[in-house]
Amino acid sequence: MNLNATNKLIKKTRRWHKKTGFSLFQRAACHFERKKKEAIFSIIDDLKVQPDDSHTSEPMQSNIIWICWFQGLDNAPELVKRCVDSVYKHSNGYEIIIITEDNFSDYITLPGVIIEKYNSELIGKAHFSDLLRCCLLYEYGGVWLDSTIFMAQDLPSYLANYSFCSLRFTPADCSGSISNGFWTTYFLVSEKNGYLIGNVMNVLLEYWQKHDKIIDYFLMDYIFSYYFENDSHSREIILSQPVLGENRFLLKNSMNEHFSLEIQKQFMEDPIGIYKLSYKGSYRTSNNGQPTIYSLILDGTFELK
């Protein structure tokens, strides 16, 4: 199957469904997405990576929060800096380690062929970051946060009780979500030597040792999905998580609003206070003469009362 052609068909049928409202186009998009998943699962099968039952999982070591910005935070956009500031403020005693281009090899050792492919840009930074997060979580345990995660509440201590946890959410029917709401790769919690994260790591390692280009931007999501559908223990681990991510885009969707009592109430009712942002968004600093939430974040005064 030509995955590029399939991706175009998915985009077209979803666009036509949005434009016309005809359910036929939605069903067509779902059909093409299933075919795409089958093709990617076949590629994963060909890697012949077997689940590793030989290790013993351990509680999270040192309660570490991992964040990656390859160029170093001094060179990060202001919104990324404010996001990282929020993590320091709400880390709840966790150690925070910022992974950069210069220090990732201090924490993990990757096969030489993968390093060579990364240095020659056959592996891009986004997909190298996917590999890093799996390796770091497997080696040490802890919490992975993308650099555009903003924390408005202290990190819950109960997360350490789960062998795996993410921002589980309820998806719309045939929403196009590869995870079907069961995980987000930008917020991952894992125990050291975790069974699920180890499986995903091993597939990524094997894939990049055998391939020179990514088959799909969201390969890591498809690997999670592969184990969810084909490995009963992985499925059990994923299903054991609480639902925490229903409001994961609440902050992003409110950035251009002023911090009204109504919006404050929505934030206060959120059980975890972890939000995904994008530094590439177009945000305003004022709305009808009042500072926006984006403005409050930039000047460090966004607070839940």
Protein backbone atom coordinates (compact mmCIF):
# COMPACT_ATOMS: atom_id res chain seq x y z
CA MET A 1 0.00 0.00 0.00
CA ASN A 2 1.20 3.51 -0.86
CA LEU A 3 0.89 5.27 2.49
CA ASN A 4 1.34 8.74 1.00
CA ALA A 5 -1.58 8.17 -1.37
CA THR A 6 -3.66 6.75 1.48
CA ASN A 7 -2.94 9.79 3.63
CA LYS A 8 -4.17 12.04 0.82
CA LEU A 9 -7.37 10.01 0.52
CA ILE A 10 -7.94 10.27 4.27
CA LYS A 11 -7.49 14.05 4.22
CA LYS A 12 -9.77 14.47 1.21
CA THR A 13 -12.58 12.32 2.54
CA ARG A 14 -12.43 14.02 5.95
CA ARG A 15 -12.47 17.43 4.29
CA TRP A 16 -15.46 16.44 2.16
CA HIS A 17 -17.28 15.12 5.22
CA LYS A 18 -16.65 18.39 7.06
CA LYS A 19 -17.84 20.39 4.05
CA THR A 20 -20.93 18.36 3.16
CA GLY A 21 -21.87 16.53 6.35
CA PHE A 22 -22.39 13.34 4.33
CA SER A 23 -21.67 10.28 6.49
CA LEU A 24 -20.49 8.44 3.36
CA PHE A 25 -17.28 10.46 3.41
CA GLN A 26 -16.74 9.78 7.11
CA ARG A 27 -17.14 6.05 6.54
CA ALA A 28 -14.70 6.26 3.63
CA ALA A 29 -12.13 8.05 5.82
CA CYS A 30 -12.51 5.39 8.52
CA HIS A 31 -12.04 2.67 5.90
CA PHE A 32 -8.82 4.20 4.58
CA GLU A 33 -7.52 4.70 8.12
CA ARG A 34 -8.10 1.03 8.91
CA LYS A 35 -6.25 0.01 5.74
CA LYS A 36 -3.38 2.32 6.64
CA LYS A 37 -3.16 0.84 10.13
CA GLU A 38 -3.12 -2.69 8.71
CA ALA A 39 -0.23 -1.75 6.41
CA ILE A 40 1.80 -0.23 9.26
CA PHE A 41 1.06 -3.20 11.52
CA SER A 42 2.39 -5.47 8.77
CA ILE A 43 5.65 -3.50 8.74
CA ILE A 44 5.88 -3.85 12.53
CA ASP A 45 5.25 -7.59 12.20
CA ASP A 46 8.14 -7.83 9.74
CA LEU A 47 10.51 -6.44 12.38
CA LYS A 48 9.87 -9.62 14.41
CA VAL A 49 10.31 -7.93 17.79
CA GLN A 50 9.16 -10.27 20.55
CA PRO A 51 7.69 -8.97 23.83
CA ASP A 52 10.35 -9.12 26.54
CA ASP A 53 9.05 -10.93 29.61
CA SER A 54 12.49 -11.43 31.14
CA HIS A 55 12.72 -8.17 33.05
CA THR A 56 11.14 -7.11 36.33
CA SER A 57 9.45 -3.74 36.41
CA GLU A 58 10.37 -1.33 39.19
CA PRO A 59 8.81 1.79 40.71
CA MET A 60 9.76 5.10 39.12
CA GLN A 61 13.37 5.87 39.97
CA SER A 62 14.06 9.26 41.60
CA ASN A 63 10.72 10.69 40.43
CA ILE A 64 12.22 12.29 37.35
CA ILE A 65 10.47 14.61 34.89
CA TRP A 66 12.09 14.49 31.45
CA ILE A 67 11.80 17.43 29.04
CA CYS A 68 13.64 17.79 25.74
CA TRP A 69 14.65 20.91 23.86
CA PHE A 70 17.58 19.96 21.68
CA GLN A 71 19.00 23.49 21.31
CA GLY A 72 18.89 24.20 25.05
CA LEU A 73 16.28 26.33 26.81
CA ASP A 74 18.22 29.56 26.30
CA ASN A 75 17.36 29.24 22.62
CA ALA A 76 13.74 28.19 23.10
CA PRO A 77 10.68 30.31 22.22
CA GLU A 78 9.22 32.32 25.09
CA LEU A 79 6.14 30.11 25.35
CA VAL A 80 8.32 27.02 25.72
CA LYS A 81 10.27 28.75 28.50
CA ARG A 82 7.03 29.63 30.30
CA CYS A 83 5.84 26.04 29.95
CA VAL A 84 9.05 24.74 31.51
CA ASP A 85 8.74 27.36 34.27
CA SER A 86 5.28 25.99 35.05
CA VAL A 87 6.72 22.48 35.36
CA TYR A 88 9.35 23.67 37.84
CA LYS A 89 6.62 25.41 39.82
CA HIS A 90 4.33 22.37 39.94
CA SER A 91 6.84 19.50 39.89
CA ASN A 92 5.78 18.35 43.37
CA GLY A 93 9.30 17.34 44.38
CA TYR A 94 10.23 15.58 41.14
CA GLU A 95 13.70 16.10 39.74
CA ILE A 96 13.58 17.86 36.37
CA ILE A 97 16.11 16.95 33.69
CA ILE A 98 16.28 18.94 30.45
CA ILE A 99 17.55 16.80 27.59
CA THR A 100 19.56 18.59 24.90
CA GLU A 101 21.69 17.79 21.89
CA ASP A 102 24.75 17.93 24.12
CA ASN A 103 23.65 15.73 27.02
CA PHE A 104 21.30 12.96 25.83
CA SER A 105 24.23 10.54 25.55
CA ASP A 106 24.96 11.10 29.26
CA TYR A 107 21.76 9.21 30.07
CA ILE A 108 21.32 6.55 27.41
CA THR A 109 23.42 4.64 24.89
CA LEU A 110 21.93 4.15 21.44
CA PRO A 111 23.20 1.87 18.64
CA GLY A 112 25.87 3.54 16.53
CA VAL A 113 23.87 3.10 13.33
CA ILE A 114 20.99 5.10 14.81
CA ILE A 115 23.31 7.91 15.93
CA GLU A 116 24.80 7.99 12.43
CA LYS A 117 21.35 8.22 10.86
CA TYR A 118 20.39 11.01 13.24
CA ASN A 119 23.60 12.96 12.56
CA SER A 120 23.01 12.61 8.81
CA GLU A 121 19.38 13.76 9.28
CA LEU A 122 17.85 10.50 8.08
CA ILE A 123 16.14 10.54 11.48
CA GLY A 124 14.57 13.91 12.22
CA LYS A 125 14.52 15.54 15.65
CA ALA A 126 10.84 14.75 16.26
CA HIS A 127 11.31 11.02 15.70
CA PHE A 128 14.63 10.95 17.51
CA SER A 129 12.78 12.52 20.42
CA ASP A 130 10.24 9.66 20.26
CA LEU A 131 13.10 7.21 20.65
CA LEU A 132 14.69 9.20 23.47
CA ARG A 133 11.51 9.36 25.55
CA CYS A 134 11.01 5.61 25.36
CA CYS A 135 14.64 4.84 26.20
CA LEU A 136 14.75 7.30 29.11
CA LEU A 137 11.49 6.06 30.60
CA TYR A 138 12.56 2.45 30.24
CA GLU A 139 16.01 3.05 31.72
CA TYR A 140 15.00 5.30 34.61
CA GLY A 141 11.23 5.55 34.84
CA GLY A 142 9.49 8.83 35.52
CA VAL A 143 7.42 11.32 33.54
CA TRP A 144 7.98 12.55 29.99
CA LEU A 145 6.58 15.97 29.16
CA ASP A 146 6.83 17.61 25.77
CA SER A 147 8.35 21.08 26.06
CA THR A 148 4.97 22.64 25.22
CA ILE A 149 3.17 21.12 28.21
CA PHE A 150 1.91 23.74 30.66
CA MET A 151 1.16 22.68 34.23
CA ALA A 152 -1.41 24.63 36.25
CA GLN A 153 -1.59 22.21 39.19
CA ASP A 154 0.97 20.19 41.12
CA LEU A 155 1.83 16.88 39.51
CA PRO A 156 -0.36 14.30 41.29
CA SER A 157 1.59 11.93 43.53
CA TYR A 158 -0.79 9.08 42.65
CA LEU A 159 0.75 8.84 39.17
CA ALA A 160 3.58 6.85 40.74
CA ASN A 161 1.07 4.08 41.46
CA TYR A 162 0.66 3.26 37.78
CA SER A 163 3.06 1.18 35.70
CA PHE A 164 1.95 3.34 32.77
CA CYS A 165 -0.20 6.45 32.56
CA SER A 166 -0.98 9.17 30.05
CA LEU A 167 -3.69 11.74 29.31
CA ARG A 168 -6.42 9.26 28.48
CA PHE A 169 -9.50 10.87 26.92
CA THR A 170 -12.81 10.03 25.26
CA PRO A 171 -12.51 10.36 21.46
CA ALA A 172 -15.26 11.20 19.01
CA ASP A 173 -16.47 8.34 16.79
CA CYS A 174 -13.92 7.69 14.04
CA SER A 175 -12.16 10.89 15.03
CA GLY A 176 -8.92 9.92 13.33
CA SER A 177 -7.22 9.50 16.73
CA ILE A 178 -4.73 6.65 16.38
CA SER A 179 -4.71 6.17 20.13
CA ASN A 180 -8.51 6.07 20.27
CA GLY A 181 -8.12 8.18 23.39
CA PHE A 182 -6.02 5.73 25.39
CA TRP A 183 -2.73 7.67 25.41
CA THR A 184 -0.96 10.81 24.26
CA THR A 185 2.74 10.61 23.46
CA TYR A 186 3.42 14.13 24.76
CA PHE A 187 2.66 13.10 28.36
CA LEU A 188 3.84 9.66 29.42
CA VAL A 189 4.37 8.13 32.84
CA SER A 190 6.19 4.82 33.17
CA GLU A 191 7.87 2.70 35.78
CA LYS A 192 11.50 1.75 35.25
CA ASN A 193 11.84 -1.31 32.98
CA GLY A 194 8.16 -0.92 32.12
CA TYR A 195 6.73 -3.70 29.96
CA LEU A 196 4.71 -1.48 27.62
CA ILE A 197 7.25 1.30 27.13
CA GLY A 198 9.94 -1.37 26.65
CA ASN A 199 7.98 -2.96 23.82
CA VAL A 200 7.51 0.38 22.07
CA MET A 201 11.20 1.20 22.57
CA ASN A 202 12.36 -2.11 21.12
CA VAL A 203 10.25 -1.68 17.99
CA LEU A 204 11.56 1.85 17.44
CA LEU A 205 15.15 0.68 17.92
CA GLU A 206 14.68 -2.20 15.49
CA TYR A 207 12.85 -0.03 12.98
CA TRP A 208 15.53 2.64 12.83
CA GLN A 209 18.32 0.09 12.55
CA LYS A 210 16.62 -1.38 9.47
CA HIS A 211 14.99 1.68 7.86
CA ASP A 212 16.30 5.02 6.67
CA LYS A 213 13.05 6.99 6.55
CA ILE A 214 9.90 7.24 8.61
CA ILE A 215 6.84 5.43 7.24
CA ASP A 216 4.44 7.71 9.07
CA TYR A 217 4.91 10.78 11.25
CA PHE A 218 2.87 9.12 14.02
CA LEU A 219 4.75 5.81 13.99
CA MET A 220 5.10 5.80 17.77
CA ASP A 221 1.31 6.03 18.16
CA TYR A 222 0.88 3.12 15.76
CA ILE A 223 3.32 1.03 17.78
CA PHE A 224 1.32 1.69 20.95
CA SER A 225 -1.81 0.76 19.00
CA TYR A 226 -0.16 -2.41 17.72
CA TYR A 227 0.53 -3.64 21.25
CA PHE A 228 -2.87 -2.52 22.49
CA GLU A 229 -4.55 -4.66 19.84
CA ASN A 230 -2.18 -7.62 19.74
CA ASP A 231 -0.76 -8.09 23.23
CA SER A 232 -3.12 -8.78 26.13
CA HIS A 233 -0.72 -7.62 28.84
CA SER A 234 -0.10 -4.29 27.09
CA ARG A 235 -3.84 -3.85 26.67
CA GLU A 236 -4.41 -4.53 30.36
CA ILE A 237 -1.77 -1.95 31.32
CA ILE A 238 -3.29 0.70 29.06
CA LEU A 239 -6.84 0.05 30.21
CA SER A 240 -5.84 0.35 33.87
CA GLN A 241 -5.21 4.11 33.55
CA PRO A 242 -7.69 6.70 34.81
CA VAL A 243 -9.28 9.17 32.38
CA LEU A 244 -7.33 12.40 32.94
CA GLY A 245 -7.06 14.11 29.57
CA GLU A 246 -10.55 15.32 28.71
CA ASN A 247 -9.43 18.96 29.10
CA ARG A 248 -5.92 18.65 27.67
CA PHE A 249 -6.61 21.43 25.11
CA LEU A 250 -8.60 23.69 27.43
CA LEU A 251 -5.72 26.13 27.86
CA LYS A 252 -4.83 26.16 24.15
CA ASN A 253 -8.45 26.89 23.23
CA SER A 254 -8.66 29.69 25.80
CA MET A 255 -5.40 31.51 25.04
CA ASN A 256 -7.05 34.50 23.34
CA GLU A 257 -9.71 34.91 26.04
CA HIS A 258 -9.49 36.97 29.20
CA PHE A 259 -9.44 34.95 32.41
CA SER A 260 -13.14 35.19 33.22
CA LEU A 261 -14.83 33.53 36.20
CA GLU A 262 -16.47 31.08 33.81
CA ILE A 263 -13.13 30.00 32.35
CA GLN A 264 -11.56 29.86 35.82
CA LYS A 265 -14.33 27.46 36.86
CA GLN A 266 -13.50 25.15 33.95
CA PHE A 267 -9.85 25.06 34.96
CA MET A 268 -10.67 24.47 38.62
CA GLU A 269 -12.84 21.46 37.71
CA ASP A 270 -10.05 19.81 35.70
CA PRO A 271 -8.63 16.87 37.71
CA ILE A 272 -5.00 17.19 36.62
CA GLY A 273 -4.22 20.64 35.17
CA ILE A 274 -1.87 19.46 32.42
CA TYR A 275 -2.32 21.17 29.06
CA LYS A 276 -0.83 20.79 25.59
CA LEU A 277 0.10 24.02 23.84
CA SER A 278 1.91 24.93 20.63
CA TYR A 279 4.53 27.63 20.33
CA LYS A 280 3.59 27.95 16.66
CA GLY A 281 0.10 29.23 17.45
CA SER A 282 -1.09 32.77 16.71
CA TYR A 283 -2.13 34.31 20.02
CA ARG A 284 -3.20 37.78 21.13
CA THR A 285 -2.04 39.57 24.27
CA SER A 286 -5.27 41.56 24.71
CA ASN A 287 -8.97 41.07 24.04
CA ASN A 288 -11.30 44.08 24.23
CA GLY A 289 -8.71 45.93 26.25
CA GLN A 290 -8.19 43.12 28.77
CA PRO A 291 -5.10 40.91 29.00
CA THR A 292 -5.58 37.44 27.55
CA ILE A 293 -4.62 34.19 29.19
CA TYR A 294 -1.70 34.08 26.74
CA SER A 295 -0.51 37.43 28.10
CA LEU A 296 -0.78 36.16 31.69
CA ILE A 297 1.28 33.10 30.79
CA LEU A 298 4.01 35.19 29.17
CA ASP A 299 4.36 37.49 32.18
CA GLY A 300 4.16 34.60 34.65
CA THR A 301 0.92 35.64 36.37
CA PHE A 302 -1.45 32.90 35.18
CA GLU A 303 -2.65 31.27 38.40
CA LEU A 304 -5.60 29.13 39.44
CA LYS A 305 -7.10 30.58 42.63
